[in-house]
C-alpha atoms as a PDB file:
ATOM      1  CA  ASN A   1     -40.336 -35.974 -53.722  1.00  0.00           C
ATOM      2  CA  MET A   2     -42.623 -34.022 -51.418  1.00  0.00           C
ATOM      3  CA  ALA A   3     -41.068 -35.733 -48.404  1.00  0.00           C
ATOM      4  CA  SER A   4     -37.561 -34.723 -49.488  1.00  0.00           C
ATOM      5  CA  HIS A   5     -38.653 -31.071 -49.778  1.00  0.00           C
ATOM      6  CA  SER A   6     -40.152 -31.267 -46.298  1.00  0.00           C
ATOM      7  CA  HIS A   7     -36.936 -32.797 -44.951  1.00  0.00           C
ATOM      8  CA  LEU A   8     -34.862 -30.091 -46.658  1.00  0.00           C
ATOM      9  CA  GLY A   9     -37.103 -27.415 -45.151  1.00  0.00           C
ATOM     10  CA  THR A  10     -36.578 -28.909 -41.693  1.00  0.00           C
ATOM     11  CA  ILE A  11     -32.805 -28.918 -42.173  1.00  0.00           C
ATOM     12  CA  ILE A  12     -32.803 -25.276 -43.278  1.00  0.00           C
ATOM     13  CA  LYS A  13     -35.037 -24.271 -40.368  1.00  0.00           C
ATOM     14  CA  ASN A  14     -32.781 -26.080 -37.880  1.00  0.00           C
ATOM     15  CA  GLU A  15     -29.658 -24.454 -39.326  1.00  0.00           C
ATOM     16  CA  SER A  16     -31.295 -21.015 -39.110  1.00  0.00           C
ATOM     17  CA  TRP A  17     -32.105 -21.592 -35.433  1.00  0.00           C
ATOM     18  CA  ARG A  18     -28.543 -22.735 -34.810  1.00  0.00           C
ATOM     19  CA  LEU A  19     -27.165 -19.625 -36.543  1.00  0.00           C
ATOM     20  CA  GLU A  20     -29.498 -17.367 -34.587  1.00  0.00           C
ATOM     21  CA  GLY A  21     -28.353 -18.952 -31.328  1.00  0.00           C
ATOM     22  CA  GLU A  22     -24.714 -18.508 -32.298  1.00  0.00           C
ATOM     23  CA  SER A  23     -25.401 -14.943 -33.425  1.00  0.00           C
ATOM     24  CA  ALA A  24     -27.033 -14.110 -30.111  1.00  0.00           C
ATOM     25  CA  GLN A  25     -24.026 -15.530 -28.254  1.00  0.00           C
ATOM     26  CA  LEU A  26     -21.587 -13.600 -30.464  1.00  0.00           C
ATOM     27  CA  ALA A  27     -23.528 -10.382 -29.892  1.00  0.00           C
ATOM     28  CA  ASN A  28     -23.552 -11.012 -26.137  1.00  0.00           C
ATOM     29  CA  ASP A  29     -19.794 -11.691 -26.160  1.00  0.00           C
ATOM     30  CA  PHE A  30     -19.192  -8.560 -28.235  1.00  0.00           C
ATOM     31  CA  ASN A  31     -21.200  -6.489 -25.756  1.00  0.00           C
ATOM     32  CA  THR A  32     -19.207  -7.916 -22.825  1.00  0.00           C
ATOM     33  CA  LEU A  33     -15.908  -7.211 -24.584  1.00  0.00           C
ATOM     34  CA  CYS A  34     -16.951  -3.655 -25.340  1.00  0.00           C
ATOM     35  CA  GLU A  35     -18.054  -3.039 -21.754  1.00  0.00           C
ATOM     36  CA  LYS A  36     -14.898  -4.466 -20.198  1.00  0.00           C
ATOM     37  CA  PHE A  37     -12.103  -3.613 -22.600  1.00  0.00           C
ATOM     38  CA  PHE A  38     -12.982  -0.613 -24.774  1.00  0.00           C
ATOM     39  CA  PRO A  39     -10.936   2.308 -23.335  1.00  0.00           C
ATOM     40  CA  CYS A  40     -13.795   4.817 -23.009  1.00  0.00           C
ATOM     41  CA  ARG A  41     -12.285   6.789 -20.144  1.00  0.00           C
ATOM     42  CA  GLU A  42      -8.847   7.070 -21.741  1.00  0.00           C
ATOM     43  CA  LEU A  43     -10.271   8.075 -25.112  1.00  0.00           C
ATOM     44  CA  ALA A  44     -12.578  10.611 -23.481  1.00  0.00           C
ATOM     45  CA  LYS A  45      -9.677  12.227 -21.596  1.00  0.00           C
ATOM     46  CA  ALA A  46      -7.628  12.408 -24.793  1.00  0.00           C
ATOM     47  CA  ALA A  47     -10.590  13.819 -26.723  1.00  0.00           C
ATOM     48  CA  VAL A  48     -11.296  16.531 -24.169  1.00  0.00           C
ATOM     49  CA  ILE A  49      -7.656  17.623 -24.208  1.00  0.00           C
ATOM     50  CA  ASN A  50      -7.492  17.477 -28.011  1.00  0.00           C
ATOM     51  CA  ASP A  51     -10.875  19.193 -28.470  1.00  0.00           C
ATOM     52  CA  SER A  52      -9.864  22.128 -26.299  1.00  0.00           C
ATOM     53  CA  HIS A  53      -7.108  22.871 -28.829  1.00  0.00           C
ATOM     54  CA  ARG A  54      -9.100  22.020 -31.935  1.00  0.00           C
ATOM     55  CA  TYR A  55     -12.423  23.774 -31.308  1.00  0.00           C
ATOM     56  CA  HIS A  56     -12.513  27.415 -30.456  1.00  0.00           C
ATOM     57  CA  ILE A  57     -15.845  27.393 -28.644  1.00  0.00           C
ATOM     58  CA  PRO A  58     -16.606  27.889 -24.964  1.00  0.00           C
ATOM     59  CA  GLN A  59     -16.497  24.711 -22.892  1.00  0.00           C
ATOM     60  CA  GLU A  60     -20.182  25.099 -21.936  1.00  0.00           C
ATOM     61  CA  GLN A  61     -21.147  25.086 -25.615  1.00  0.00           C
ATOM     62  CA  HIS A  62     -18.997  22.023 -26.258  1.00  0.00           C
ATOM     63  CA  LEU A  63     -20.531  20.276 -23.242  1.00  0.00           C
ATOM     64  CA  GLN A  64     -24.001  21.078 -24.601  1.00  0.00           C
ATOM     65  CA  ARG A  65     -23.062  19.465 -27.929  1.00  0.00           C
ATOM     66  CA  VAL A  66     -21.919  16.321 -26.144  1.00  0.00           C
ATOM     67  CA  MET A  67     -25.148  16.227 -24.127  1.00  0.00           C
ATOM     68  CA  SER A  68     -27.210  16.668 -27.308  1.00  0.00           C
ATOM     69  CA  THR A  69     -25.330  13.816 -28.950  1.00  0.00           C
ATOM     70  CA  LYS A  70     -26.011  11.619 -25.915  1.00  0.00           C
ATOM     71  CA  GLN A  71     -29.724  12.385 -26.193  1.00  0.00           C
ATOM     72  CA  MET A  72     -29.834  11.574 -29.904  1.00  0.00           C
ATOM     73  CA  ILE A  73     -28.157   8.227 -29.256  1.00  0.00           C
ATOM     74  CA  THR A  74     -30.579   7.522 -26.396  1.00  0.00           C
ATOM     75  CA  ASP A  75     -33.500   8.254 -28.728  1.00  0.00           C
ATOM     76  CA  LEU A  76     -32.098   5.836 -31.308  1.00  0.00           C
ATOM     77  CA  GLN A  77     -31.531   3.150 -28.669  1.00  0.00           C
ATOM     78  CA  GLU A  78     -35.102   3.529 -27.397  1.00  0.00           C
ATOM     79  CA  LEU A  79     -36.536   3.281 -30.903  1.00  0.00           C
ATOM     80  CA  MET A  80     -34.467   0.179 -31.617  1.00  0.00           C
ATOM     81  CA  GLU A  81     -35.517  -1.414 -28.312  1.00  0.00           C
ATOM     82  CA  MET A  82     -39.169  -0.600 -28.939  1.00  0.00           C
ATOM     83  CA  ASN A  83     -38.856  -2.176 -32.373  1.00  0.00           C
ATOM     84  CA  VAL A  84     -37.210  -5.335 -30.972  1.00  0.00           C
ATOM     85  CA  VAL A  85     -39.903  -5.745 -28.297  1.00  0.00           C
ATOM     86  CA  LYS A  86     -42.673  -5.238 -30.855  1.00  0.00           C
ATOM     87  CA  ASN A  87     -40.947  -7.645 -33.276  1.00  0.00           C
ATOM     88  CA  ASN A  88     -40.818 -10.331 -30.594  1.00  0.00           C
ATOM     89  CA  GLU A  89     -44.506  -9.867 -29.767  1.00  0.00           C
ATOM     90  CA  ILE A  90     -45.474 -10.077 -33.431  1.00  0.00           C
ATOM     91  CA  MET A  91     -43.240 -13.056 -34.185  1.00  0.00           C
ATOM     92  CA  ASN A  92     -44.845 -14.932 -31.281  1.00  0.00           C
ATOM     93  CA  THR A  93     -48.400 -14.143 -32.419  1.00  0.00           C
ATOM     94  CA  GLN A  94     -48.443 -13.372 -36.155  1.00  0.00           C
ATOM     95  CA  GLY A  95     -45.127 -14.616 -37.533  1.00  0.00           C
ATOM     96  CA  VAL A  96     -43.112 -12.763 -40.161  1.00  0.00           C
ATOM     97  CA  SER A  97     -46.267 -11.615 -41.967  1.00  0.00           C
ATOM     98  CA  GLY A  98     -47.049  -9.150 -39.142  1.00  0.00           C
ATOM     99  CA  HIS A  99     -43.765  -7.256 -39.406  1.00  0.00           C
ATOM    100  CA  HIS A 100     -45.457  -4.220 -40.983  1.00  0.00           C
ATOM    101  CA  ASN A 101     -46.969  -3.375 -37.554  1.00  0.00           C
ATOM    102  CA  VAL A 102     -43.635  -2.394 -35.997  1.00  0.00           C
ATOM    103  CA  PRO A 103     -42.266   1.183 -35.844  1.00  0.00           C
ATOM    104  CA  CYS A 104     -39.491   0.370 -38.350  1.00  0.00           C
ATOM    105  CA  PRO A 105     -40.129  -2.846 -40.344  1.00  0.00           C
ATOM    106  CA  GLN A 106     -36.769  -2.481 -42.073  1.00  0.00           C
ATOM    107  CA  LEU A 107     -35.038  -3.165 -38.750  1.00  0.00           C
ATOM    108  CA  MET A 108     -36.835  -6.506 -38.607  1.00  0.00           C
ATOM    109  CA  THR A 109     -35.566  -7.260 -42.107  1.00  0.00           C
ATOM    110  CA  PHE A 110     -32.059  -6.338 -40.950  1.00  0.00           C
ATOM    111  CA  GLU A 111     -32.457  -8.663 -37.940  1.00  0.00           C
ATOM    112  CA  LEU A 112     -33.595 -11.512 -40.183  1.00  0.00           C
ATOM    113  CA  LEU A 113     -30.703 -10.972 -42.596  1.00  0.00           C
ATOM    114  CA  THR A 114     -28.147 -10.922 -39.761  1.00  0.00           C
ATOM    115  CA  HIS A 115     -29.797 -13.820 -37.912  1.00  0.00           C
ATOM    116  CA  GLY A 116     -30.280 -11.667 -34.826  1.00  0.00           C
ATOM    117  CA  PHE A 117     -26.723 -10.336 -34.616  1.00  0.00           C
ATOM    118  CA  GLY A 118     -27.171  -6.951 -36.258  1.00  0.00           C
ATOM    119  CA  ALA A 119     -29.289  -4.948 -33.831  1.00  0.00           C
ATOM    120  CA  SER A 120     -27.551  -6.520 -30.819  1.00  0.00           C
ATOM    121  CA  ALA A 121     -24.140  -5.555 -32.166  1.00  0.00           C
ATOM    122  CA  LEU A 122     -25.343  -2.027 -32.944  1.00  0.00           C
ATOM    123  CA  SER A 123     -26.793  -1.786 -29.458  1.00  0.00           C
ATOM    124  CA  ALA A 124     -23.456  -2.841 -27.946  1.00  0.00           C
ATOM    125  CA  ALA A 125     -21.630  -0.248 -30.052  1.00  0.00           C
ATOM    126  CA  LEU A 126     -24.088   2.484 -29.084  1.00  0.00           C
ATOM    127  CA  ASN A 127     -23.668   1.549 -25.418  1.00  0.00           C
ATOM    128  CA  VAL A 128     -19.911   2.025 -25.797  1.00  0.00           C
ATOM    129  CA  VAL A 129     -20.420   5.413 -27.423  1.00  0.00           C
ATOM    130  CA  GLN A 130     -22.745   6.408 -24.566  1.00  0.00           C
ATOM    131  CA  THR A 131     -20.144   5.350 -22.014  1.00  0.00           C
ATOM    132  CA  TYR A 132     -17.484   7.323 -23.914  1.00  0.00           C
ATOM    133  CA  LEU A 133     -19.723  10.402 -23.923  1.00  0.00           C
ATOM    134  CA  ASP A 134     -20.449   9.953 -20.202  1.00  0.00           C
ATOM    135  CA  GLU A 135     -16.715   9.924 -19.569  1.00  0.00           C
ATOM    136  CA  MET A 136     -16.315  13.060 -21.703  1.00  0.00           C
ATOM    137  CA  VAL A 137     -18.941  14.830 -19.615  1.00  0.00           C
ATOM    138  CA  LYS A 138     -17.111  13.806 -16.422  1.00  0.00           C
ATOM    139  CA  CYS A 139     -13.797  15.085 -17.778  1.00  0.00           C
ATOM    140  CA  MET A 140     -15.318  18.340 -18.972  1.00  0.00           C
ATOM    141  CA  THR A 141     -17.106  19.074 -15.707  1.00  0.00           C
ATOM    142  CA  LEU A 142     -13.997  18.335 -13.648  1.00  0.00           C
ATOM    143  CA  GLN A 143     -11.883  20.878 -15.541  1.00  0.00           C
END
């Protein structure tokens, strides 16, 4: 009976590794799709035109808001990256039990629950938002 539990544990572990590999590939594909096909420039142009009618604030103030948003997203991306790097170091040395030593242990839990897809997908989405905001800044400074 003990041998069957050990065999079952091996099967579960192998399936988890397979899922994590597939999740990493899906996240990578999602990132590539976002980079190549999400219409950041077109949406940014439309937003700048629409925002000029919708908001009654000076363009400099609106540009400052966009720049502040970019910085907040950058801060989030850096925190997530720092957490991922620290998670990898801990997993290689201490295993799951060391997860409390990372800046945000809940992100590690999220990564475990999503088999590695979650943070990568969020990172891809945040990269798209950053690109969109970069395009907004270009459109606003060219006006």
